Amino acid sequence: MADPVKTRIVDRVMDHLGVPWLYGVVDGPFVLVGPTTVSKRTPSWDAYETRMLMNLRESASYQSYKKALAQGRVNQDKAFEVQPVLAQLLAAHLLPEAVSWVTTGTAGTLSHAYSFFAPTSEFAVHEILPLPDSTVGMPVAERDDFELYFGTRTLEEIAE
């Protein structure tokens, strides 16, 4: 189950330690990949959540869900299992981003997140703009990024 309260804590800890991290989750019918968060370089997960919340038609239910999570009032179904096809879809989008970050130092999910809504097969790329009053991970320009994705030649060189 996606837990935005715990994820926000992880975001703050990773930012404080200066450790980059990549978010990915299956949340009901949604598969969410990104953002890859790099301290002082990209907007934080907190900025991602805030921007997504700003785009919701009705955000009160999400806010009440977060409060219920924080207060321990959410009944978690222990028997809940992620559908295998959604887990595979998450892995198929998460792993190339992780490999790209490890091999080249950049990824498509830097300042972006991908979402997939399974019932209608909708895929979206969300740009994450920094928040001016954010207390986590204020970014600097990405002018030195040399490519968005890794090339297969790079992987072949690493494999040798």
N, C-alpha and C. Protein backbone atom coordinates (compact mmCIF):
# COMPACT_ATOMS: atom_id res chain seq x y z
N MET A 1 0.84 -1.17 0.00
CA MET A 1 0.00 0.00 0.00
C MET A 1 0.90 1.24 0.00
N ALA A 2 0.56 2.19 -0.83
CA ALA A 2 1.31 3.44 -0.87
C ALA A 2 1.04 4.22 0.41
N ASP A 3 2.08 4.69 1.04
CA ASP A 3 1.93 5.46 2.27
C ASP A 3 2.67 6.78 2.11
N PRO A 4 1.95 7.85 1.76
CA PRO A 4 2.61 9.14 1.53
C PRO A 4 3.27 9.73 2.77
N VAL A 5 2.77 9.38 3.95
CA VAL A 5 3.38 9.90 5.18
C VAL A 5 4.78 9.31 5.36
N LYS A 6 4.90 7.99 5.21
CA LYS A 6 6.22 7.35 5.33
C LYS A 6 7.15 7.77 4.20
N THR A 7 6.59 7.93 3.00
CA THR A 7 7.41 8.34 1.86
C THR A 7 7.98 9.74 2.07
N ARG A 8 7.20 10.62 2.65
CA ARG A 8 7.70 11.98 2.94
C ARG A 8 8.85 11.92 3.94
N ILE A 9 8.76 11.03 4.92
CA ILE A 9 9.85 10.88 5.90
C ILE A 9 11.10 10.35 5.20
N VAL A 10 10.94 9.34 4.35
CA VAL A 10 12.08 8.80 3.58
C VAL A 10 12.70 9.91 2.74
N ASP A 11 11.87 10.73 2.11
CA ASP A 11 12.36 11.83 1.28
C ASP A 11 13.23 12.79 2.09
N ARG A 12 12.78 13.14 3.26
CA ARG A 12 13.54 14.08 4.10
C ARG A 12 14.86 13.47 4.58
N VAL A 13 14.82 12.20 4.96
CA VAL A 13 16.04 11.53 5.43
C VAL A 13 17.06 11.43 4.29
N MET A 14 16.60 10.99 3.12
CA MET A 14 17.51 10.84 1.98
C MET A 14 18.09 12.19 1.56
N ASP A 15 17.27 13.23 1.60
CA ASP A 15 17.76 14.57 1.26
C ASP A 15 18.82 15.01 2.27
N HIS A 16 18.56 14.77 3.54
CA HIS A 16 19.52 15.15 4.58
C HIS A 16 20.85 14.41 4.42
N LEU A 17 20.77 13.14 4.05
CA LEU A 17 21.98 12.33 3.86
C LEU A 17 22.65 12.58 2.51
N GLY A 18 21.94 13.25 1.59
CA GLY A 18 22.48 13.49 0.26
C GLY A 18 22.49 12.26 -0.62
N VAL A 19 21.58 11.33 -0.35
CA VAL A 19 21.50 10.07 -1.09
C VAL A 19 20.38 10.17 -2.13
N PRO A 20 20.70 9.97 -3.41
CA PRO A 20 19.63 9.98 -4.42
C PRO A 20 18.73 8.75 -4.27
N TRP A 21 17.47 8.92 -4.62
CA TRP A 21 16.55 7.78 -4.55
C TRP A 21 15.46 7.91 -5.59
N LEU A 22 14.93 6.75 -5.97
CA LEU A 22 13.91 6.66 -7.01
C LEU A 22 12.65 6.06 -6.41
N TYR A 23 11.53 6.74 -6.60
CA TYR A 23 10.25 6.30 -6.06
C TYR A 23 9.50 5.49 -7.09
N GLY A 24 8.89 4.40 -6.67
CA GLY A 24 8.03 3.60 -7.53
C GLY A 24 7.04 2.83 -6.69
N VAL A 25 5.79 2.78 -7.13
CA VAL A 25 4.77 2.10 -6.34
C VAL A 25 3.60 1.69 -7.24
N VAL A 26 2.95 0.61 -6.85
CA VAL A 26 1.65 0.26 -7.42
C VAL A 26 0.63 0.67 -6.38
N ASP A 27 -0.26 1.57 -6.74
CA ASP A 27 -1.27 2.10 -5.83
C ASP A 27 -2.64 1.87 -6.45
N GLY A 28 -3.26 0.74 -6.09
CA GLY A 28 -4.53 0.39 -6.71
C GLY A 28 -4.32 0.12 -8.20
N PRO A 29 -5.06 0.82 -9.06
CA PRO A 29 -4.88 0.62 -10.51
C PRO A 29 -3.77 1.48 -11.11
N PHE A 30 -3.08 2.25 -10.28
CA PHE A 30 -2.03 3.14 -10.76
C PHE A 30 -0.65 2.52 -10.58
N VAL A 31 0.21 2.73 -11.56
CA VAL A 31 1.63 2.41 -11.44
C VAL A 31 2.34 3.76 -11.54
N LEU A 32 3.09 4.11 -10.49
CA LEU A 32 3.78 5.39 -10.44
C LEU A 32 5.28 5.15 -10.38
N VAL A 33 6.03 5.79 -11.27
CA VAL A 33 7.48 5.67 -11.33
C VAL A 33 8.07 7.07 -11.29
N GLY A 34 8.93 7.31 -10.33
CA GLY A 34 9.58 8.61 -10.22
C GLY A 34 8.88 9.44 -9.18
N PRO A 35 9.51 10.50 -8.84
CA PRO A 35 10.72 11.06 -9.43
C PRO A 35 11.99 10.44 -8.85
N THR A 36 13.08 10.57 -9.62
CA THR A 36 14.41 10.32 -9.08
C THR A 36 14.80 11.61 -8.37
N THR A 37 15.01 11.52 -7.08
CA THR A 37 15.27 12.71 -6.28
C THR A 37 16.74 12.78 -5.92
N VAL A 38 17.38 13.89 -6.27
CA VAL A 38 18.79 14.10 -5.98
C VAL A 38 18.89 15.40 -5.18
N SER A 39 19.46 15.32 -4.00
CA SER A 39 19.55 16.48 -3.11
C SER A 39 20.24 17.66 -3.79
N LYS A 40 19.65 18.82 -3.67
CA LYS A 40 20.15 20.10 -4.19
C LYS A 40 20.26 20.13 -5.72
N ARG A 41 19.60 19.17 -6.39
CA ARG A 41 19.64 19.14 -7.84
C ARG A 41 18.26 19.04 -8.48
N THR A 42 17.37 18.28 -7.85
CA THR A 42 16.03 18.10 -8.40
C THR A 42 14.99 18.44 -7.34
N PRO A 43 13.76 18.70 -7.77
CA PRO A 43 12.69 18.88 -6.77
C PRO A 43 12.51 17.60 -5.96
N SER A 44 12.08 17.75 -4.74
CA SER A 44 11.92 16.61 -3.84
C SER A 44 10.62 15.85 -4.12
N TRP A 45 10.49 14.70 -3.47
CA TRP A 45 9.23 13.95 -3.56
C TRP A 45 8.11 14.78 -2.97
N ASP A 46 8.42 15.57 -1.96
CA ASP A 46 7.45 16.46 -1.34
C ASP A 46 6.88 17.44 -2.38
N ALA A 47 7.74 17.97 -3.24
CA ALA A 47 7.27 18.87 -4.31
C ALA A 47 6.39 18.11 -5.29
N TYR A 48 6.76 16.87 -5.60
CA TYR A 48 5.96 16.03 -6.49
C TYR A 48 4.56 15.82 -5.91
N GLU A 49 4.51 15.44 -4.64
CA GLU A 49 3.21 15.21 -4.00
C GLU A 49 2.37 16.49 -3.98
N THR A 50 3.00 17.60 -3.65
CA THR A 50 2.28 18.88 -3.60
C THR A 50 1.75 19.27 -4.97
N ARG A 51 2.56 19.12 -6.00
CA ARG A 51 2.12 19.44 -7.37
C ARG A 51 0.98 18.53 -7.81
N MET A 52 1.07 17.24 -7.49
CA MET A 52 -0.02 16.33 -7.85
C MET A 52 -1.29 16.68 -7.10
N LEU A 53 -1.15 17.06 -5.84
CA LEU A 53 -2.30 17.46 -5.03
C LEU A 53 -2.96 18.71 -5.60
N MET A 54 -2.16 19.62 -6.12
CA MET A 54 -2.70 20.84 -6.72
C MET A 54 -3.54 20.53 -7.96
N ASN A 55 -3.25 19.41 -8.63
CA ASN A 55 -3.96 19.04 -9.85
C ASN A 55 -5.19 18.16 -9.60
N LEU A 56 -5.38 17.71 -8.38
CA LEU A 56 -6.56 16.89 -8.09
C LEU A 56 -7.82 17.75 -8.11
N ARG A 57 -8.88 17.18 -8.63
CA ARG A 57 -10.16 17.90 -8.65
C ARG A 57 -10.69 18.09 -7.24
N GLU A 58 -10.49 17.07 -6.41
CA GLU A 58 -11.01 17.10 -5.05
C GLU A 58 -9.92 16.54 -4.14
N SER A 59 -9.24 17.40 -3.43
CA SER A 59 -8.08 16.96 -2.65
C SER A 59 -8.40 16.67 -1.19
N ALA A 60 -9.60 16.99 -0.74
CA ALA A 60 -9.93 16.79 0.68
C ALA A 60 -9.87 15.32 1.08
N SER A 61 -10.29 14.42 0.20
CA SER A 61 -10.27 13.00 0.56
C SER A 61 -8.83 12.49 0.69
N TYR A 62 -7.92 12.98 -0.15
CA TYR A 62 -6.51 12.59 -0.05
C TYR A 62 -5.92 13.10 1.27
N GLN A 63 -6.25 14.34 1.62
CA GLN A 63 -5.75 14.91 2.88
C GLN A 63 -6.30 14.13 4.08
N SER A 64 -7.57 13.76 4.04
CA SER A 64 -8.13 13.00 5.17
C SER A 64 -7.52 11.60 5.23
N TYR A 65 -7.20 11.01 4.07
CA TYR A 65 -6.53 9.71 4.03
C TYR A 65 -5.15 9.81 4.69
N LYS A 66 -4.40 10.88 4.38
CA LYS A 66 -3.08 11.06 4.99
C LYS A 66 -3.19 11.23 6.50
N LYS A 67 -4.19 11.97 6.95
CA LYS A 67 -4.39 12.15 8.40
C LYS A 67 -4.72 10.82 9.06
N ALA A 68 -5.57 10.02 8.41
CA ALA A 68 -5.93 8.71 8.96
C ALA A 68 -4.72 7.79 9.01
N LEU A 69 -3.85 7.85 8.00
CA LEU A 69 -2.61 7.06 8.03
C LEU A 69 -1.74 7.47 9.20
N ALA A 70 -1.57 8.78 9.38
CA ALA A 70 -0.71 9.29 10.45
C ALA A 70 -1.25 8.91 11.82
N GLN A 71 -2.57 8.82 11.94
CA GLN A 71 -3.19 8.49 13.23
C GLN A 71 -3.39 6.98 13.41
N GLY A 72 -3.00 6.20 12.41
CA GLY A 72 -3.12 4.75 12.50
C GLY A 72 -4.55 4.24 12.39
N ARG A 73 -5.41 5.00 11.74
CA ARG A 73 -6.82 4.61 11.61
C ARG A 73 -7.14 3.90 10.30
N VAL A 74 -6.13 3.61 9.49
CA VAL A 74 -6.38 2.94 8.21
C VAL A 74 -6.21 1.44 8.41
N ASN A 75 -7.25 0.69 8.06
CA ASN A 75 -7.18 -0.77 8.15
C ASN A 75 -6.44 -1.29 6.93
N GLN A 76 -5.31 -1.91 7.17
CA GLN A 76 -4.51 -2.44 6.07
C GLN A 76 -4.87 -3.90 5.85
N ASP A 77 -5.24 -4.22 4.63
CA ASP A 77 -5.60 -5.57 4.26
C ASP A 77 -4.32 -6.39 4.10
N LYS A 78 -4.06 -7.27 5.05
CA LYS A 78 -2.83 -8.08 5.04
C LYS A 78 -2.81 -9.05 3.86
N ALA A 79 -4.00 -9.42 3.37
CA ALA A 79 -4.08 -10.38 2.27
C ALA A 79 -3.96 -9.70 0.90
N PHE A 80 -3.87 -8.37 0.89
CA PHE A 80 -3.80 -7.64 -0.38
C PHE A 80 -2.52 -8.01 -1.13
N GLU A 81 -2.66 -8.33 -2.40
CA GLU A 81 -1.51 -8.63 -3.24
C GLU A 81 -1.58 -7.78 -4.49
N VAL A 82 -0.44 -7.28 -4.89
CA VAL A 82 -0.36 -6.52 -6.14
C VAL A 82 -0.53 -7.50 -7.29
N GLN A 83 -1.34 -7.12 -8.26
CA GLN A 83 -1.52 -7.96 -9.44
C GLN A 83 -0.18 -8.14 -10.14
N PRO A 84 0.17 -9.35 -10.54
CA PRO A 84 1.48 -9.59 -11.17
C PRO A 84 1.75 -8.71 -12.39
N VAL A 85 0.73 -8.46 -13.19
CA VAL A 85 0.96 -7.63 -14.38
C VAL A 85 1.33 -6.20 -13.99
N LEU A 86 0.76 -5.68 -12.90
CA LEU A 86 1.10 -4.33 -12.46
C LEU A 86 2.50 -4.30 -11.85
N ALA A 87 2.88 -5.36 -11.13
CA ALA A 87 4.24 -5.45 -10.59
C ALA A 87 5.26 -5.50 -11.71
N GLN A 88 4.94 -6.25 -12.77
CA GLN A 88 5.85 -6.34 -13.92
C GLN A 88 5.94 -5.01 -14.65
N LEU A 89 4.83 -4.31 -14.75
CA LEU A 89 4.82 -2.99 -15.39
C LEU A 89 5.67 -2.01 -14.59
N LEU A 90 5.56 -2.07 -13.27
CA LEU A 90 6.38 -1.22 -12.41
C LEU A 90 7.86 -1.53 -12.62
N ALA A 91 8.22 -2.80 -12.59
CA ALA A 91 9.62 -3.19 -12.77
C ALA A 91 10.13 -2.80 -14.15
N ALA A 92 9.30 -2.94 -15.17
CA ALA A 92 9.71 -2.61 -16.54
C ALA A 92 10.00 -1.13 -16.73
N HIS A 93 9.41 -0.28 -15.92
CA HIS A 93 9.67 1.16 -16.03
C HIS A 93 10.66 1.65 -14.98
N LEU A 94 10.69 0.99 -13.83
CA LEU A 94 11.58 1.40 -12.74
C LEU A 94 13.03 1.01 -13.00
N LEU A 95 13.26 -0.20 -13.46
CA LEU A 95 14.63 -0.69 -13.64
C LEU A 95 15.43 0.09 -14.68
N PRO A 96 14.88 0.41 -15.86
CA PRO A 96 15.68 1.22 -16.80
C PRO A 96 16.06 2.59 -16.23
N GLU A 97 15.18 3.16 -15.42
CA GLU A 97 15.51 4.44 -14.79
C GLU A 97 16.66 4.28 -13.81
N ALA A 98 16.62 3.22 -13.02
CA ALA A 98 17.69 2.96 -12.05
C ALA A 98 19.01 2.68 -12.77
N VAL A 99 18.98 1.87 -13.82
CA VAL A 99 20.19 1.55 -14.58
C VAL A 99 20.74 2.81 -15.23
N SER A 100 19.87 3.63 -15.78
CA SER A 100 20.30 4.88 -16.40
C SER A 100 20.99 5.78 -15.37
N TRP A 101 20.42 5.88 -14.18
CA TRP A 101 21.01 6.72 -13.14
C TRP A 101 22.38 6.19 -12.72
N VAL A 102 22.47 4.89 -12.52
CA VAL A 102 23.72 4.29 -12.05
C VAL A 102 24.82 4.39 -13.11
N THR A 103 24.46 4.19 -14.39
CA THR A 103 25.48 4.15 -15.44
C THR A 103 25.85 5.53 -15.98
N THR A 104 24.91 6.45 -16.03
CA THR A 104 25.19 7.75 -16.66
C THR A 104 25.05 8.93 -15.71
N GLY A 105 24.45 8.73 -14.55
CA GLY A 105 24.25 9.84 -13.63
C GLY A 105 23.06 10.71 -13.99
N THR A 106 22.24 10.25 -14.91
CA THR A 106 21.02 10.98 -15.27
C THR A 106 19.92 9.97 -15.56
N ALA A 107 18.69 10.44 -15.57
CA ALA A 107 17.54 9.56 -15.83
C ALA A 107 16.37 10.40 -16.31
N GLY A 108 15.44 9.75 -16.97
CA GLY A 108 14.26 10.45 -17.46
C GLY A 108 13.36 10.94 -16.35
N THR A 109 13.50 10.35 -15.17
CA THR A 109 12.66 10.73 -14.05
C THR A 109 13.28 11.81 -13.16
N LEU A 110 14.38 12.42 -13.59
CA LEU A 110 14.88 13.60 -12.88
C LEU A 110 13.91 14.73 -13.19
N SER A 111 13.26 15.25 -12.19
CA SER A 111 12.25 16.31 -12.33
C SER A 111 11.02 15.86 -13.10
N HIS A 112 10.83 14.55 -13.24
CA HIS A 112 9.65 14.00 -13.92
C HIS A 112 9.17 12.75 -13.19
N ALA A 113 7.92 12.41 -13.40
CA ALA A 113 7.36 11.16 -12.90
C ALA A 113 6.45 10.58 -13.97
N TYR A 114 6.38 9.27 -14.01
CA TYR A 114 5.52 8.58 -14.96
C TYR A 114 4.35 7.97 -14.20
N SER A 115 3.18 8.03 -14.79
CA SER A 115 2.03 7.35 -14.20
C SER A 115 1.31 6.55 -15.27
N PHE A 116 0.82 5.40 -14.86
CA PHE A 116 0.07 4.52 -15.75
C PHE A 116 -1.20 4.12 -15.03
N PHE A 117 -2.35 4.36 -15.67
CA PHE A 117 -3.64 3.98 -15.12
C PHE A 117 -4.11 2.75 -15.87
N ALA A 118 -4.08 1.60 -15.20
CA ALA A 118 -4.31 0.31 -15.86
C ALA A 118 -5.68 0.15 -16.52
N PRO A 119 -6.79 0.55 -15.88
CA PRO A 119 -8.09 0.28 -16.51
C PRO A 119 -8.25 0.88 -17.91
N THR A 120 -7.64 2.03 -18.16
CA THR A 120 -7.78 2.66 -19.48
C THR A 120 -6.47 2.71 -20.25
N SER A 121 -5.42 2.12 -19.69
CA SER A 121 -4.08 2.11 -20.30
C SER A 121 -3.57 3.52 -20.60
N GLU A 122 -3.87 4.46 -19.73
CA GLU A 122 -3.38 5.83 -19.91
C GLU A 122 -1.99 5.96 -19.31
N PHE A 123 -1.07 6.53 -20.07
CA PHE A 123 0.30 6.76 -19.62
C PHE A 123 0.54 8.26 -19.66
N ALA A 124 1.11 8.81 -18.60
CA ALA A 124 1.37 10.25 -18.55
C ALA A 124 2.76 10.50 -17.98
N VAL A 125 3.38 11.56 -18.47
CA VAL A 125 4.65 12.03 -17.94
C VAL A 125 4.37 13.36 -17.27
N HIS A 126 4.74 13.47 -16.01
CA HIS A 126 4.47 14.67 -15.23
C HIS A 126 5.78 15.41 -14.98
N GLU A 127 5.84 16.66 -15.36
CA GLU A 127 7.01 17.47 -15.04
C GLU A 127 6.83 18.02 -13.63
N ILE A 128 7.87 17.95 -12.84
CA ILE A 128 7.80 18.41 -11.46
C ILE A 128 8.62 19.68 -11.33
N LEU A 129 7.94 20.75 -11.09
CA LEU A 129 8.61 22.03 -10.91
C LEU A 129 8.91 22.22 -9.43
N PRO A 130 10.04 22.84 -9.10
CA PRO A 130 10.36 23.06 -7.69
C PRO A 130 9.36 24.02 -7.05
N LEU A 131 9.16 23.86 -5.78
CA LEU A 131 8.31 24.77 -5.03
C LEU A 131 9.17 25.86 -4.41
N PRO A 132 8.76 27.10 -4.51
CA PRO A 132 9.60 28.18 -3.98
C PRO A 132 9.81 28.13 -2.48
N ASP A 133 8.87 27.57 -1.74
CA ASP A 133 9.00 27.54 -0.28
C ASP A 133 9.35 26.15 0.25
N SER A 134 9.87 25.29 -0.62
CA SER A 134 10.20 23.93 -0.21
C SER A 134 11.36 23.92 0.79
N THR A 135 11.22 23.06 1.78
CA THR A 135 12.29 22.92 2.78
C THR A 135 13.21 21.75 2.45
N VAL A 136 12.88 21.03 1.38
CA VAL A 136 13.65 19.84 1.01
C VAL A 136 14.20 20.01 -0.39
N GLY A 137 15.49 19.77 -0.55
CA GLY A 137 16.13 19.61 -1.85
C GLY A 137 15.92 20.69 -2.89
N MET A 138 16.25 21.93 -2.62
CA MET A 138 16.12 22.97 -3.65
C MET A 138 17.13 22.70 -4.76
N PRO A 139 16.67 22.60 -6.01
CA PRO A 139 17.54 22.21 -7.12
C PRO A 139 18.34 23.35 -7.73
N VAL A 140 19.37 22.98 -8.45
CA VAL A 140 20.11 23.90 -9.31
C VAL A 140 19.88 23.47 -10.75
N ALA A 141 20.28 24.30 -11.68
CA ALA A 141 20.01 24.03 -13.11
C ALA A 141 20.63 22.71 -13.55
N GLU A 142 19.99 22.08 -14.52
CA GLU A 142 20.43 20.79 -15.05
C GLU A 142 21.30 20.98 -16.29
N ARG A 143 22.00 22.06 -16.42
CA ARG A 143 22.71 22.39 -17.65
C ARG A 143 23.81 21.40 -18.01
N ASP A 144 24.33 20.66 -17.05
CA ASP A 144 25.45 19.76 -17.33
C ASP A 144 25.02 18.34 -17.67
N ASP A 145 23.72 18.06 -17.65
CA ASP A 145 23.28 16.72 -18.04
C ASP A 145 23.54 16.53 -19.52
N PHE A 146 24.22 15.44 -19.86
CA PHE A 146 24.64 15.26 -21.24
C PHE A 146 23.69 14.42 -22.07
N GLU A 147 22.89 13.57 -21.45
CA GLU A 147 21.90 12.82 -22.21
C GLU A 147 20.79 12.38 -21.27
N LEU A 148 19.64 12.13 -21.86
CA LEU A 148 18.49 11.76 -21.06
C LEU A 148 18.52 10.28 -20.67
N TYR A 149 18.86 9.42 -21.61
CA TYR A 149 18.90 7.99 -21.35
C TYR A 149 20.26 7.44 -21.74
N PHE A 150 20.58 6.27 -21.24
CA PHE A 150 21.83 5.62 -21.58
C PHE A 150 21.70 4.99 -22.96
N GLY A 151 22.82 4.79 -23.62
CA GLY A 151 22.84 4.09 -24.90
C GLY A 151 23.23 2.64 -24.69
N THR A 152 22.89 1.80 -25.63
CA THR A 152 23.24 0.39 -25.50
C THR A 152 24.74 0.18 -25.58
N ARG A 153 25.44 1.09 -26.25
CA ARG A 153 26.91 0.97 -26.30
C ARG A 153 27.51 1.09 -24.90
N THR A 154 26.94 1.97 -24.10
CA THR A 154 27.43 2.12 -22.73
C THR A 154 27.24 0.82 -21.95
N LEU A 155 26.10 0.19 -22.13
CA LEU A 155 25.86 -1.08 -21.44
C LEU A 155 26.80 -2.17 -21.93
N GLU A 156 27.08 -2.18 -23.24
CA GLU A 156 28.01 -3.17 -23.78
C GLU A 156 29.41 -2.97 -23.21
N GLU A 157 29.83 -1.71 -23.06
CA GLU A 157 31.16 -1.42 -22.50
C GLU A 157 31.23 -1.87 -21.04
N ILE A 158 30.16 -1.65 -20.31
CA ILE A 158 30.13 -2.06 -18.91
C ILE A 158 30.16 -3.57 -18.79
N ALA A 159 29.44 -4.25 -19.68
CA ALA A 159 29.36 -5.71 -19.64
C ALA A 159 30.71 -6.36 -19.93
N GLU A 160 31.55 -5.69 -20.70
CA GLU A 160 32.85 -6.27 -21.06
C GLU A 160 33.80 -6.20 -19.95
